[in-house]
PDB file of N, CA and C in Angstrom:
ATOM      1  N   GLN A   1      90.679 -17.949  98.902  1.00  0.00           N
ATOM      2  CA  GLN A   1      89.105 -17.975  99.430  1.00  0.00           C
ATOM      3  C   GLN A   1      88.573 -16.714  98.478  1.00  0.00           C
ATOM      4  N   VAL A   2      87.405 -17.230  98.088  1.00  0.00           N
ATOM      5  CA  VAL A   2      86.455 -16.421  97.202  1.00  0.00           C
ATOM      6  C   VAL A   2      85.074 -16.240  98.069  1.00  0.00           C
ATOM      7  N   GLU A   3      84.734 -14.705  98.208  1.00  0.00           N
ATOM      8  CA  GLU A   3      83.332 -14.319  98.844  1.00  0.00           C
ATOM      9  C   GLU A   3      82.694 -14.110  97.650  1.00  0.00           C
ATOM     10  N   LEU A   4      81.339 -14.351  98.069  1.00  0.00           N
ATOM     11  CA  LEU A   4      80.109 -14.215  97.190  1.00  0.00           C
ATOM     12  C   LEU A   4      78.961 -13.279  98.202  1.00  0.00           C
ATOM     13  N   VAL A   5      78.547 -12.286  97.614  1.00  0.00           N
ATOM     14  CA  VAL A   5      77.595 -11.224  98.131  1.00  0.00           C
ATOM     15  C   VAL A   5      76.602 -11.145  97.103  1.00  0.00           C
ATOM     16  N   GLU A   6      75.342 -11.750  97.633  1.00  0.00           N
ATOM     17  CA  GLU A   6      74.105 -11.531  96.719  1.00  0.00           C
ATOM     18  C   GLU A   6      73.284 -10.273  97.208  1.00  0.00           C
ATOM     19  N   SER A   7      72.651  -9.794  96.420  1.00  0.00           N
ATOM     20  CA  SER A   7      71.782  -8.575  96.572  1.00  0.00           C
ATOM     21  C   SER A   7      70.571  -8.649  95.624  1.00  0.00           C
ATOM     22  N   GLY A   8      69.573  -7.911  95.620  1.00  0.00           N
ATOM     23  CA  GLY A   8      68.437  -7.777  94.658  1.00  0.00           C
ATOM     24  C   GLY A   8      67.230  -8.487  95.216  1.00  0.00           C
ATOM     25  N   GLY A   9      67.181  -9.128  96.157  1.00  0.00           N
ATOM     26  CA  GLY A   9      65.811  -9.675  96.622  1.00  0.00           C
ATOM     27  C   GLY A   9      65.008  -8.670  97.181  1.00  0.00           C
ATOM     28  N   GLY A  10      63.803  -9.045  97.531  1.00  0.00           N
ATOM     29  CA  GLY A  10      62.863  -8.270  97.864  1.00  0.00           C
ATOM     30  C   GLY A  10      61.436  -8.962  97.813  1.00  0.00           C
ATOM     31  N   SER A  11      60.464  -8.138  98.341  1.00  0.00           N
ATOM     32  CA  SER A  11      59.174  -8.382  97.996  1.00  0.00           C
ATOM     33  C   SER A  11      58.312  -8.155  96.660  1.00  0.00           C
ATOM     34  N   VAL A  12      57.803  -8.971  95.953  1.00  0.00           N
ATOM     35  CA  VAL A  12      57.032  -8.355  94.690  1.00  0.00           C
ATOM     36  C   VAL A  12      55.739  -9.411  94.638  1.00  0.00           C
ATOM     37  N   GLN A  13      54.755  -8.757  93.840  1.00  0.00           N
ATOM     38  CA  GLN A  13      53.614  -9.398  93.561  1.00  0.00           C
ATOM     39  C   GLN A  13      53.786 -10.437  92.516  1.00  0.00           C
ATOM     40  N   ALA A  14      52.894 -11.425  92.574  1.00  0.00           N
ATOM     41  CA  ALA A  14      52.833 -12.306  91.403  1.00  0.00           C
ATOM     42  C   ALA A  14      52.624 -11.715  90.020  1.00  0.00           C
ATOM     43  N   GLY A  15      53.476 -12.274  89.310  1.00  0.00           N
ATOM     44  CA  GLY A  15      53.579 -11.736  87.984  1.00  0.00           C
ATOM     45  C   GLY A  15      54.743 -10.705  87.740  1.00  0.00           C
ATOM     46  N   GLY A  16      55.312 -10.462  88.949  1.00  0.00           N
ATOM     47  CA  GLY A  16      56.413  -9.372  88.945  1.00  0.00           C
ATOM     48  C   GLY A  16      57.871  -9.754  88.400  1.00  0.00           C
ATOM     49  N   SER A  17      58.725  -9.006  88.410  1.00  0.00           N
ATOM     50  CA  SER A  17      60.014  -9.443  88.007  1.00  0.00           C
ATOM     51  C   SER A  17      61.245  -8.884  89.147  1.00  0.00           C
ATOM     52  N   LEU A  18      62.214  -9.453  89.176  1.00  0.00           N
ATOM     53  CA  LEU A  18      63.297  -9.014  90.018  1.00  0.00           C
ATOM     54  C   LEU A  18      64.488  -9.489  89.406  1.00  0.00           C
ATOM     55  N   ARG A  19      65.699  -8.852  89.568  1.00  0.00           N
ATOM     56  CA  ARG A  19      66.909  -9.111  89.114  1.00  0.00           C
ATOM     57  C   ARG A  19      67.908  -9.351  90.447  1.00  0.00           C
ATOM     58  N   LEU A  20      68.271 -10.372  90.666  1.00  0.00           N
ATOM     59  CA  LEU A  20      69.361 -10.743  91.743  1.00  0.00           C
ATOM     60  C   LEU A  20      70.959 -10.671  91.076  1.00  0.00           C
ATOM     61  N   SER A  21      71.860 -10.146  91.891  1.00  0.00           N
ATOM     62  CA  SER A  21      73.045  -9.931  91.575  1.00  0.00           C
ATOM     63  C   SER A  21      73.872 -10.552  92.666  1.00  0.00           C
ATOM     64  N   CYS A  22      75.149 -11.102  92.219  1.00  0.00           N
ATOM     65  CA  CYS A  22      76.128 -11.933  93.124  1.00  0.00           C
ATOM     66  C   CYS A  22      77.538 -11.443  92.764  1.00  0.00           C
ATOM     67  N   VAL A  23      78.198 -10.667  93.494  1.00  0.00           N
ATOM     68  CA  VAL A  23      79.206 -10.275  93.254  1.00  0.00           C
ATOM     69  C   VAL A  23      80.441 -11.060  93.799  1.00  0.00           C
ATOM     70  N   ARG A  24      81.452 -11.580  93.019  1.00  0.00           N
ATOM     71  CA  ARG A  24      82.522 -12.263  93.732  1.00  0.00           C
ATOM     72  C   ARG A  24      83.701 -11.434  94.153  1.00  0.00           C
ATOM     73  N   SER A  25      84.412 -11.854  94.876  1.00  0.00           N
ATOM     74  CA  SER A  25      85.470 -10.964  95.625  1.00  0.00           C
ATOM     75  C   SER A  25      86.600 -11.053  94.710  1.00  0.00           C
ATOM     76  N   LYS A  26      86.842 -12.005  93.762  1.00  0.00           N
ATOM     77  CA  LYS A  26      87.972 -11.860  92.697  1.00  0.00           C
ATOM     78  C   LYS A  26      87.666 -12.894  91.597  1.00  0.00           C
ATOM     79  N   TYR A  27      88.126 -12.455  90.501  1.00  0.00           N
ATOM     80  CA  TYR A  27      88.019 -13.193  89.185  1.00  0.00           C
ATOM     81  C   TYR A  27      88.529 -14.735  89.380  1.00  0.00           C
ATOM     82  N   MET A  28      87.769 -15.737  88.797  1.00  0.00           N
ATOM     83  CA  MET A  28      87.823 -17.251  88.931  1.00  0.00           C
ATOM     84  C   MET A  28      87.854 -17.500  87.491  1.00  0.00           C
ATOM     85  N   TRP A  29      89.229 -17.854  87.005  1.00  0.00           N
ATOM     86  CA  TRP A  29      89.480 -18.473  85.704  1.00  0.00           C
ATOM     87  C   TRP A  29      88.715 -19.737  85.288  1.00  0.00           C
ATOM     88  N   ARG A  30      87.707 -19.707  84.324  1.00  0.00           N
ATOM     89  CA  ARG A  30      87.123 -20.976  83.900  1.00  0.00           C
ATOM     90  C   ARG A  30      86.516 -21.359  84.920  1.00  0.00           C
ATOM     91  N   SER A  31      85.737 -20.656  85.582  1.00  0.00           N
ATOM     92  CA  SER A  31      84.941 -21.018  86.822  1.00  0.00           C
ATOM     93  C   SER A  31      83.532 -21.583  86.403  1.00  0.00           C
ATOM     94  N   CYS A  32      82.599 -22.180  87.301  1.00  0.00           N
ATOM     95  CA  CYS A  32      81.207 -22.320  87.133  1.00  0.00           C
ATOM     96  C   CYS A  32      80.558 -21.625  88.031  1.00  0.00           C
ATOM     97  N   MET A  33      79.427 -21.124  87.956  1.00  0.00           N
ATOM     98  CA  MET A  33      78.643 -20.272  88.711  1.00  0.00           C
ATOM     99  C   MET A  33      76.910 -20.902  88.546  1.00  0.00           C
ATOM    100  N   ALA A  34      76.373 -20.618  89.733  1.00  0.00           N
ATOM    101  CA  ALA A  34      75.140 -21.010  89.780  1.00  0.00           C
ATOM    102  C   ALA A  34      74.085 -20.332  90.909  1.00  0.00           C
ATOM    103  N   TRP A  35      72.964 -20.667  90.899  1.00  0.00           N
ATOM    104  CA  TRP A  35      71.912 -19.926  91.622  1.00  0.00           C
ATOM    105  C   TRP A  35      71.070 -21.091  92.374  1.00  0.00           C
ATOM    106  N   PHE A  36      71.132 -20.914  93.581  1.00  0.00           N
ATOM    107  CA  PHE A  36      70.230 -22.323  94.247  1.00  0.00           C
ATOM    108  C   PHE A  36      69.290 -21.390  95.164  1.00  0.00           C
ATOM    109  N   ARG A  37      68.104 -22.057  95.560  1.00  0.00           N
ATOM    110  CA  ARG A  37      67.149 -21.379  96.466  1.00  0.00           C
ATOM    111  C   ARG A  37      66.710 -22.402  97.628  1.00  0.00           C
ATOM    112  N   GLN A  38      66.362 -22.090  98.399  1.00  0.00           N
ATOM    113  CA  GLN A  38      66.254 -22.949  99.552  1.00  0.00           C
ATOM    114  C   GLN A  38      64.669 -22.289 100.237  1.00  0.00           C
ATOM    115  N   ARG A  39      63.661 -23.100 100.083  1.00  0.00           N
ATOM    116  CA  ARG A  39      62.404 -22.838 101.058  1.00  0.00           C
ATOM    117  C   ARG A  39      62.413 -23.249 102.455  1.00  0.00           C
ATOM    118  N   PRO A  40      61.716 -22.692 103.509  1.00  0.00           N
ATOM    119  CA  PRO A  40      61.918 -23.191 104.676  1.00  0.00           C
ATOM    120  C   PRO A  40      61.371 -24.654 105.006  1.00  0.00           C
ATOM    121  N   GLY A  41      62.116 -25.298 105.603  1.00  0.00           N
ATOM    122  CA  GLY A  41      61.986 -26.826 105.734  1.00  0.00           C
ATOM    123  C   GLY A  41      62.256 -27.570 104.637  1.00  0.00           C
ATOM    124  N   GLU A  42      62.918 -27.203 103.576  1.00  0.00           N
ATOM    125  CA  GLU A  42      63.155 -27.914 102.312  1.00  0.00           C
ATOM    126  C   GLU A  42      64.693 -27.581 102.053  1.00  0.00           C
ATOM    127  N   GLU A  43      65.203 -28.706 101.437  1.00  0.00           N
ATOM    128  CA  GLU A  43      66.658 -28.375 100.700  1.00  0.00           C
ATOM    129  C   GLU A  43      67.168 -27.786  99.701  1.00  0.00           C
ATOM    130  N   ARG A  44      68.410 -27.197  99.904  1.00  0.00           N
ATOM    131  CA  ARG A  44      68.563 -26.150  98.961  1.00  0.00           C
ATOM    132  C   ARG A  44      68.625 -26.818  97.551  1.00  0.00           C
ATOM    133  N   MET A  45      68.212 -26.261  96.534  1.00  0.00           N
ATOM    134  CA  MET A  45      67.942 -26.728  95.110  1.00  0.00           C
ATOM    135  C   MET A  45      68.704 -25.976  94.062  1.00  0.00           C
ATOM    136  N   GLY A  46      69.393 -26.410  93.136  1.00  0.00           N
ATOM    137  CA  GLY A  46      69.868 -25.674  92.283  1.00  0.00           C
ATOM    138  C   GLY A  46      68.779 -25.285  91.186  1.00  0.00           C
ATOM    139  N   ILE A  47      68.929 -24.025  90.692  1.00  0.00           N
ATOM    140  CA  ILE A  47      67.686 -23.567  89.799  1.00  0.00           C
ATOM    141  C   ILE A  47      68.307 -23.079  88.531  1.00  0.00           C
ATOM    142  N   ALA A  48      69.711 -22.556  88.383  1.00  0.00           N
ATOM    143  CA  ALA A  48      70.162 -22.084  87.133  1.00  0.00           C
ATOM    144  C   ALA A  48      71.722 -22.280  87.287  1.00  0.00           C
ATOM    145  N   ALA A  49      72.398 -22.585  86.373  1.00  0.00           N
ATOM    146  CA  ALA A  49      74.027 -22.866  86.273  1.00  0.00           C
ATOM    147  C   ALA A  49      74.491 -22.279  84.870  1.00  0.00           C
ATOM    148  N   VAL A  50      75.828 -21.806  84.968  1.00  0.00           N
ATOM    149  CA  VAL A  50      76.346 -21.380  83.685  1.00  0.00           C
ATOM    150  C   VAL A  50      77.869 -21.972  84.127  1.00  0.00           C
ATOM    151  N   ASP A  51      78.642 -22.558  83.000  1.00  0.00           N
ATOM    152  CA  ASP A  51      79.698 -23.043  82.995  1.00  0.00           C
ATOM    153  C   ASP A  51      80.726 -22.171  82.389  1.00  0.00           C
ATOM    154  N   SER A  52      82.175 -22.273  82.231  1.00  0.00           N
ATOM    155  CA  SER A  52      83.128 -21.462  81.637  1.00  0.00           C
ATOM    156  C   SER A  52      82.913 -21.310  80.071  1.00  0.00           C
ATOM    157  N   ASN A  53      82.138 -21.970  79.546  1.00  0.00           N
ATOM    158  CA  ASN A  53      82.008 -21.961  78.138  1.00  0.00           C
ATOM    159  C   ASN A  53      80.409 -21.324  77.897  1.00  0.00           C
ATOM    160  N   TRP A  54      80.029 -20.589  78.803  1.00  0.00           N
ATOM    161  CA  TRP A  54      78.638 -19.999  78.694  1.00  0.00           C
ATOM    162  C   TRP A  54      77.564 -20.980  78.622  1.00  0.00           C
ATOM    163  N   LYS A  55      77.748 -22.104  78.741  1.00  0.00           N
ATOM    164  CA  LYS A  55      76.487 -23.133  78.624  1.00  0.00           C
ATOM    165  C   LYS A  55      75.845 -23.003  79.708  1.00  0.00           C
ATOM    166  N   GLU A  56      74.531 -22.922  79.780  1.00  0.00           N
ATOM    167  CA  GLU A  56      73.630 -22.907  80.841  1.00  0.00           C
ATOM    168  C   GLU A  56      72.576 -24.149  80.992  1.00  0.00           C
ATOM    169  N   ASP A  57      72.109 -24.049  82.163  1.00  0.00           N
ATOM    170  CA  ASP A  57      71.149 -25.265  82.677  1.00  0.00           C
ATOM    171  C   ASP A  57      70.324 -24.834  83.581  1.00  0.00           C
ATOM    172  N   TYR A  58      69.045 -25.047  83.473  1.00  0.00           N
ATOM    173  CA  TYR A  58      67.901 -24.508  84.347  1.00  0.00           C
ATOM    174  C   TYR A  58      67.351 -25.696  84.814  1.00  0.00           C
ATOM    175  N   GLU A  59      66.722 -25.510  86.127  1.00  0.00           N
ATOM    176  CA  GLU A  59      65.649 -26.437  86.761  1.00  0.00           C
ATOM    177  C   GLU A  59      64.342 -26.171  85.753  1.00  0.00           C
ATOM    178  N   GLU A  60      63.792 -27.425  85.839  1.00  0.00           N
ATOM    179  CA  GLU A  60      62.491 -27.484  84.690  1.00  0.00           C
ATOM    180  C   GLU A  60      61.506 -26.461  85.088  1.00  0.00           C
ATOM    181  N   TYR A  61      61.357 -26.084  86.465  1.00  0.00           N
ATOM    182  CA  TYR A  61      60.171 -25.214  87.057  1.00  0.00           C
ATOM    183  C   TYR A  61      60.384 -23.527  86.321  1.00  0.00           C
ATOM    184  N   VAL A  62      61.544 -23.280  86.402  1.00  0.00           N
ATOM    185  CA  VAL A  62      62.176 -22.063  86.024  1.00  0.00           C
ATOM    186  C   VAL A  62      62.289 -21.841  84.758  1.00  0.00           C
ATOM    187  N   LYS A  63      62.543 -22.769  83.858  1.00  0.00           N
ATOM    188  CA  LYS A  63      62.841 -22.424  82.486  1.00  0.00           C
ATOM    189  C   LYS A  63      61.995 -21.556  81.868  1.00  0.00           C
ATOM    190  N   GLY A  64      62.282 -20.570  81.078  1.00  0.00           N
ATOM    191  CA  GLY A  64      61.448 -19.635  80.476  1.00  0.00           C
ATOM    192  C   GLY A  64      61.120 -18.420  81.146  1.00  0.00           C
ATOM    193  N   ARG A  65      61.396 -18.668  82.426  1.00  0.00           N
ATOM    194  CA  ARG A  65      61.053 -17.402  83.432  1.00  0.00           C
ATOM    195  C   ARG A  65      62.311 -16.603  84.034  1.00  0.00           C
ATOM    196  N   PHE A  66      63.507 -17.447  84.243  1.00  0.00           N
ATOM    197  CA  PHE A  66      64.539 -17.148  84.634  1.00  0.00           C
ATOM    198  C   PHE A  66      65.620 -17.148  83.743  1.00  0.00           C
ATOM    199  N   THR A  67      66.586 -16.294  83.854  1.00  0.00           N
ATOM    200  CA  THR A  67      67.870 -16.168  82.928  1.00  0.00           C
ATOM    201  C   THR A  67      69.042 -16.001  83.788  1.00  0.00           C
ATOM    202  N   ILE A  68      69.983 -16.657  83.582  1.00  0.00           N
ATOM    203  CA  ILE A  68      71.550 -16.591  84.460  1.00  0.00           C
ATOM    204  C   ILE A  68      72.292 -16.071  83.282  1.00  0.00           C
ATOM    205  N   SER A  69      73.053 -14.934  83.932  1.00  0.00           N
ATOM    206  CA  SER A  69      73.970 -14.366  83.142  1.00  0.00           C
ATOM    207  C   SER A  69      75.131 -14.048  83.750  1.00  0.00           C
ATOM    208  N   GLN A  70      76.520 -13.642  83.471  1.00  0.00           N
ATOM    209  CA  GLN A  70      77.611 -13.229  84.000  1.00  0.00           C
ATOM    210  C   GLN A  70      78.308 -12.071  83.284  1.00  0.00           C
ATOM    211  N   ASP A  71      78.806 -11.094  84.206  1.00  0.00           N
ATOM    212  CA  ASP A  71      79.509  -9.971  83.577  1.00  0.00           C
ATOM    213  C   ASP A  71      81.090 -10.339  84.348  1.00  0.00           C
ATOM    214  N   ASP A  72      82.013 -10.776  83.526  1.00  0.00           N
ATOM    215  CA  ASP A  72      83.285 -10.984  84.000  1.00  0.00           C
ATOM    216  C   ASP A  72      84.059  -9.934  84.269  1.00  0.00           C
ATOM    217  N   ALA A  73      83.836  -8.785  83.679  1.00  0.00           N
ATOM    218  CA  ALA A  73      84.512  -7.663  84.359  1.00  0.00           C
ATOM    219  C   ALA A  73      84.044  -7.006  85.406  1.00  0.00           C
ATOM    220  N   LYS A  74      82.963  -7.187  85.658  1.00  0.00           N
ATOM    221  CA  LYS A  74      82.553  -6.817  87.249  1.00  0.00           C
ATOM    222  C   LYS A  74      82.432  -7.926  88.173  1.00  0.00           C
ATOM    223  N   ASN A  75      83.078  -9.048  87.946  1.00  0.00           N
ATOM    224  CA  ASN A  75      82.734 -10.383  88.627  1.00  0.00           C
ATOM    225  C   ASN A  75      81.676 -10.478  89.289  1.00  0.00           C
ATOM    226  N   THR A  76      80.685 -10.279  88.326  1.00  0.00           N
ATOM    227  CA  THR A  76      79.158 -10.355  88.817  1.00  0.00           C
ATOM    228  C   THR A  76      78.278 -11.225  88.145  1.00  0.00           C
ATOM    229  N   LEU A  77      77.419 -12.244  89.033  1.00  0.00           N
ATOM    230  CA  LEU A  77      76.598 -13.023  88.453  1.00  0.00           C
ATOM    231  C   LEU A  77      75.318 -12.541  88.595  1.00  0.00           C
ATOM    232  N   TYR A  78      74.271 -12.778  87.440  1.00  0.00           N
ATOM    233  CA  TYR A  78      72.850 -12.318  87.737  1.00  0.00           C
ATOM    234  C   TYR A  78      71.751 -13.216  87.727  1.00  0.00           C
ATOM    235  N   LEU A  79      70.692 -13.107  88.067  1.00  0.00           N
ATOM    236  CA  LEU A  79      69.611 -13.926  87.701  1.00  0.00           C
ATOM    237  C   LEU A  79      68.340 -12.971  87.670  1.00  0.00           C
ATOM    238  N   GLU A  80      68.012 -13.047  86.193  1.00  0.00           N
ATOM    239  CA  GLU A  80      66.650 -12.220  85.850  1.00  0.00           C
ATOM    240  C   GLU A  80      65.503 -13.024  86.295  1.00  0.00           C
ATOM    241  N   MET A  81      64.879 -12.624  86.866  1.00  0.00           N
ATOM    242  CA  MET A  81      63.409 -13.503  87.303  1.00  0.00           C
ATOM    243  C   MET A  81      62.353 -12.879  86.881  1.00  0.00           C
ATOM    244  N   SER A  82      61.319 -13.287  85.821  1.00  0.00           N
ATOM    245  CA  SER A  82      60.046 -12.844  85.400  1.00  0.00           C
ATOM    246  C   SER A  82      59.001 -13.626  85.547  1.00  0.00           C
ATOM    247  N   ASN A  83      57.591 -13.142  85.621  1.00  0.00           N
ATOM    248  CA  ASN A  83      56.471 -13.950  86.031  1.00  0.00           C
ATOM    249  C   ASN A  83      56.741 -14.810  87.228  1.00  0.00           C
ATOM    250  N   LEU A  84      56.920 -13.995  88.267  1.00  0.00           N
ATOM    251  CA  LEU A  84      57.274 -14.778  89.299  1.00  0.00           C
ATOM    252  C   LEU A  84      55.829 -15.057  90.175  1.00  0.00           C
ATOM    253  N   LYS A  85      55.936 -16.402  90.798  1.00  0.00           N
ATOM    254  CA  LYS A  85      54.965 -16.936  91.542  1.00  0.00           C
ATOM    255  C   LYS A  85      55.137 -17.161  92.744  1.00  0.00           C
ATOM    256  N   PRO A  86      54.000 -17.303  93.680  1.00  0.00           N
ATOM    257  CA  PRO A  86      54.359 -17.506  95.139  1.00  0.00           C
ATOM    258  C   PRO A  86      55.162 -18.575  95.509  1.00  0.00           C
ATOM    259  N   GLU A  87      55.188 -19.582  94.661  1.00  0.00           N
ATOM    260  CA  GLU A  87      55.957 -20.735  94.966  1.00  0.00           C
ATOM    261  C   GLU A  87      57.546 -20.523  94.619  1.00  0.00           C
ATOM    262  N   ASP A  88      57.934 -19.379  94.137  1.00  0.00           N
ATOM    263  CA  ASP A  88      59.345 -18.716  93.925  1.00  0.00           C
ATOM    264  C   ASP A  88      59.727 -18.163  95.294  1.00  0.00           C
ATOM    265  N   THR A  89      58.927 -17.897  96.170  1.00  0.00           N
ATOM    266  CA  THR A  89      59.309 -17.349  97.408  1.00  0.00           C
ATOM    267  C   THR A  89      60.419 -18.382  98.242  1.00  0.00           C
ATOM    268  N   ALA A  90      61.644 -17.745  98.298  1.00  0.00           N
ATOM    269  CA  ALA A  90      62.746 -18.594  98.969  1.00  0.00           C
ATOM    270  C   ALA A  90      63.911 -17.669  99.381  1.00  0.00           C
ATOM    271  N   MET A  91      64.766 -18.087  99.853  1.00  0.00           N
ATOM    272  CA  MET A  91      66.199 -17.601 100.061  1.00  0.00           C
ATOM    273  C   MET A  91      67.093 -18.229  98.809  1.00  0.00           C
ATOM    274  N   TYR A  92      67.597 -17.008  98.140  1.00  0.00           N
ATOM    275  CA  TYR A  92      68.277 -17.587  96.944  1.00  0.00           C
ATOM    276  C   TYR A  92      70.026 -17.175  97.155  1.00  0.00           C
ATOM    277  N   PHE A  93      70.726 -18.362  96.831  1.00  0.00           N
ATOM    278  CA  PHE A  93      72.066 -18.314  97.213  1.00  0.00           C
ATOM    279  C   PHE A  93      72.646 -18.251  95.785  1.00  0.00           C
ATOM    280  N   CYS A  94      73.920 -17.886  95.646  1.00  0.00           N
ATOM    281  CA  CYS A  94      74.895 -17.868  94.568  1.00  0.00           C
ATOM    282  C   CYS A  94      75.855 -18.993  94.939  1.00  0.00           C
ATOM    283  N   ALA A  95      76.795 -19.595  94.110  1.00  0.00           N
ATOM    284  CA  ALA A  95      77.647 -20.408  94.371  1.00  0.00           C
ATOM    285  C   ALA A  95      78.632 -20.412  93.192  1.00  0.00           C
ATOM    286  N   ALA A  96      79.858 -20.820  93.470  1.00  0.00           N
ATOM    287  CA  ALA A  96      80.870 -20.867  92.470  1.00  0.00           C
ATOM    288  C   ALA A  96      81.633 -22.164  92.718  1.00  0.00           C
ATOM    289  N   ALA A  97      82.149 -22.379  91.407  1.00  0.00           N
ATOM    290  CA  ALA A  97      83.124 -23.571  91.551  1.00  0.00           C
ATOM    291  C   ALA A  97      84.481 -23.069  90.562  1.00  0.00           C
ATOM    292  N   PRO A  98      85.577 -23.758  91.010  1.00  0.00           N
ATOM    293  CA  PRO A  98      86.876 -23.264  90.411  1.00  0.00           C
ATOM    294  C   PRO A  98      87.008 -23.850  89.213  1.00  0.00           C
ATOM    295  N   PHE A  99      88.138 -23.619  88.558  1.00  0.00           N
ATOM    296  CA  PHE A  99      88.965 -24.391  87.280  1.00  0.00           C
ATOM    297  C   PHE A  99      88.608 -25.990  87.651  1.00  0.00           C
ATOM    298  N   GLY A 100      88.347 -26.671  86.273  1.00  0.00           N
ATOM    299  CA  GLY A 100      87.890 -27.998  86.524  1.00  0.00           C
ATOM    300  C   GLY A 100      86.486 -28.388  86.819  1.00  0.00           C
ATOM    301  N   CYS A 101      85.839 -27.337  86.891  1.00  0.00           N
ATOM    302  CA  CYS A 101      84.146 -27.647  87.119  1.00  0.00           C
ATOM    303  C   CYS A 101      83.460 -27.904  85.958  1.00  0.00           C
ATOM    304  N   TYR A 102      82.061 -28.292  86.078  1.00  0.00           N
ATOM    305  CA  TYR A 102      81.364 -28.853  84.980  1.00  0.00           C
ATOM    306  C   TYR A 102      80.014 -28.182  85.258  1.00  0.00           C
ATOM    307  N   LEU A 103      79.337 -28.004  84.480  1.00  0.00           N
ATOM    308  CA  LEU A 103      78.054 -27.539  84.517  1.00  0.00           C
ATOM    309  C   LEU A 103      76.990 -28.493  85.483  1.00  0.00           C
ATOM    310  N   SER A 104      76.627 -27.800  86.355  1.00  0.00           N
ATOM    311  CA  SER A 104      75.638 -28.746  87.424  1.00  0.00           C
ATOM    312  C   SER A 104      74.740 -27.949  88.205  1.00  0.00           C
ATOM    313  N   LEU A 105      73.584 -28.397  88.519  1.00  0.00           N
ATOM    314  CA  LEU A 105      72.721 -28.184  89.459  1.00  0.00           C
ATOM    315  C   LEU A 105      72.797 -28.858  90.797  1.00  0.00           C
ATOM    316  N   ASN A 106      73.842 -29.612  91.103  1.00  0.00           N
ATOM    317  CA  ASN A 106      74.074 -30.194  92.464  1.00  0.00           C
ATOM    318  C   ASN A 106      74.841 -29.241  93.424  1.00  0.00           C
ATOM    319  N   ARG A 107      74.514 -29.350  94.341  1.00  0.00           N
ATOM    320  CA  ARG A 107      75.095 -28.180  95.279  1.00  0.00           C
ATOM    321  C   ARG A 107      76.541 -28.936  95.612  1.00  0.00           C
ATOM    322  N   ILE A 108      76.689 -30.224  95.521  1.00  0.00           N
ATOM    323  CA  ILE A 108      77.933 -30.724  96.032  1.00  0.00           C
ATOM    324  C   ILE A 108      79.118 -30.335  94.906  1.00  0.00           C
ATOM    325  N   SER A 109      78.530 -29.799  93.683  1.00  0.00           N
ATOM    326  CA  SER A 109      79.730 -29.397  92.735  1.00  0.00           C
ATOM    327  C   SER A 109      80.285 -28.053  92.959  1.00  0.00           C
ATOM    328  N   TYR A 110      79.592 -27.377  94.077  1.00  0.00           N
ATOM    329  CA  TYR A 110      80.238 -25.867  94.293  1.00  0.00           C
ATOM    330  C   TYR A 110      81.098 -25.786  95.725  1.00  0.00           C
ATOM    331  N   ASN A 111      82.096 -24.811  95.445  1.00  0.00           N
ATOM    332  CA  ASN A 111      83.016 -24.741  96.616  1.00  0.00           C
ATOM    333  C   ASN A 111      82.396 -23.626  97.613  1.00  0.00           C
ATOM    334  N   TYR A 112      82.121 -22.543  96.757  1.00  0.00           N
ATOM    335  CA  TYR A 112      81.833 -21.122  97.601  1.00  0.00           C
ATOM    336  C   TYR A 112      80.419 -20.848  97.498  1.00  0.00           C
ATOM    337  N   TRP A 113      79.960 -20.277  98.539  1.00  0.00           N
ATOM    338  CA  TRP A 113      78.483 -19.907  98.644  1.00  0.00           C
ATOM    339  C   TRP A 113      78.563 -18.496  99.225  1.00  0.00           C
ATOM    340  N   GLY A 114      77.346 -17.668  98.746  1.00  0.00           N
ATOM    341  CA  GLY A 114      77.031 -16.559  99.676  1.00  0.00           C
ATOM    342  C   GLY A 114      76.076 -16.981 100.660  1.00  0.00           C
ATOM    343  N   ARG A 115      75.570 -15.741 101.255  1.00  0.00           N
ATOM    344  CA  ARG A 115      74.940 -15.905 102.331  1.00  0.00           C
ATOM    345  C   ARG A 115      73.049 -15.840 101.973  1.00  0.00           C
ATOM    346  N   GLY A 116      73.100 -15.419 100.820  1.00  0.00           N
ATOM    347  CA  GLY A 116      71.601 -15.482 100.404  1.00  0.00           C
ATOM    348  C   GLY A 116      70.972 -14.140 100.320  1.00  0.00           C
ATOM    349  N   THR A 117      69.998 -13.993  99.690  1.00  0.00           N
ATOM    350  CA  THR A 117      68.991 -12.941  99.387  1.00  0.00           C
ATOM    351  C   THR A 117      67.546 -13.342  99.560  1.00  0.00           C
ATOM    352  N   GLN A 118      66.918 -12.624 100.251  1.00  0.00           N
ATOM    353  CA  GLN A 118      65.181 -13.422 100.365  1.00  0.00           C
ATOM    354  C   GLN A 118      64.509 -12.900  99.297  1.00  0.00           C
ATOM    355  N   VAL A 119      63.637 -13.569  98.463  1.00  0.00           N
ATOM    356  CA  VAL A 119      62.554 -13.158  97.563  1.00  0.00           C
ATOM    357  C   VAL A 119      61.299 -13.779  98.107  1.00  0.00           C
ATOM    358  N   THR A 120      60.422 -12.707  98.017  1.00  0.00           N
ATOM    359  CA  THR A 120      58.929 -13.108  98.578  1.00  0.00           C
ATOM    360  C   THR A 120      58.075 -12.641  97.585  1.00  0.00           C
ATOM    361  N   VAL A 121      57.048 -13.564  97.109  1.00  0.00           N
ATOM    362  CA  VAL A 121      56.130 -12.991  96.190  1.00  0.00           C
ATOM    363  C   VAL A 121      54.941 -13.477  96.474  1.00  0.00           C
ATOM    364  N   SER A 122      54.075 -12.268  96.444  1.00  0.00           N
ATOM    365  CA  SER A 122      52.666 -12.507  97.222  1.00  0.00           C
ATOM    366  C   SER A 122      51.747 -12.507  95.899  1.00  0.00           C
ATOM    367  N   SER A 123      50.659 -13.436  96.379  1.00  0.00           N
ATOM    368  CA  SER A 123      49.493 -13.506  95.368  1.00  0.00           C
ATOM    369  C   SER A 123      48.538 -12.311  95.178  1.00  0.00           C
TER     370      SER A 123
END
């Protein structure tokens, strides 16, 4: 079993920046990682993903503003968010898939989930 713990959420004004972190309880060889977000009353949506070859994918709305990265030595996934907009307000979750995974923004592709961290952007 792998545990994921997100941190770094908070309140920020529009145009500001935040960096989210997700610490994995153990190393996962050749894994895929992703960030999802969920607004109240909406489905959880994938916004950024990275596979074991360091290939990245982004949801169109966050391209150019968000960057996903990982530090395997620290078992940590990051999401750098800049030029934040009120529409980015949501609960943000990280997710992981083990060896054999493929790059995906679809939630069914991931086996492990964190509990989330709240991001609130005010106008």
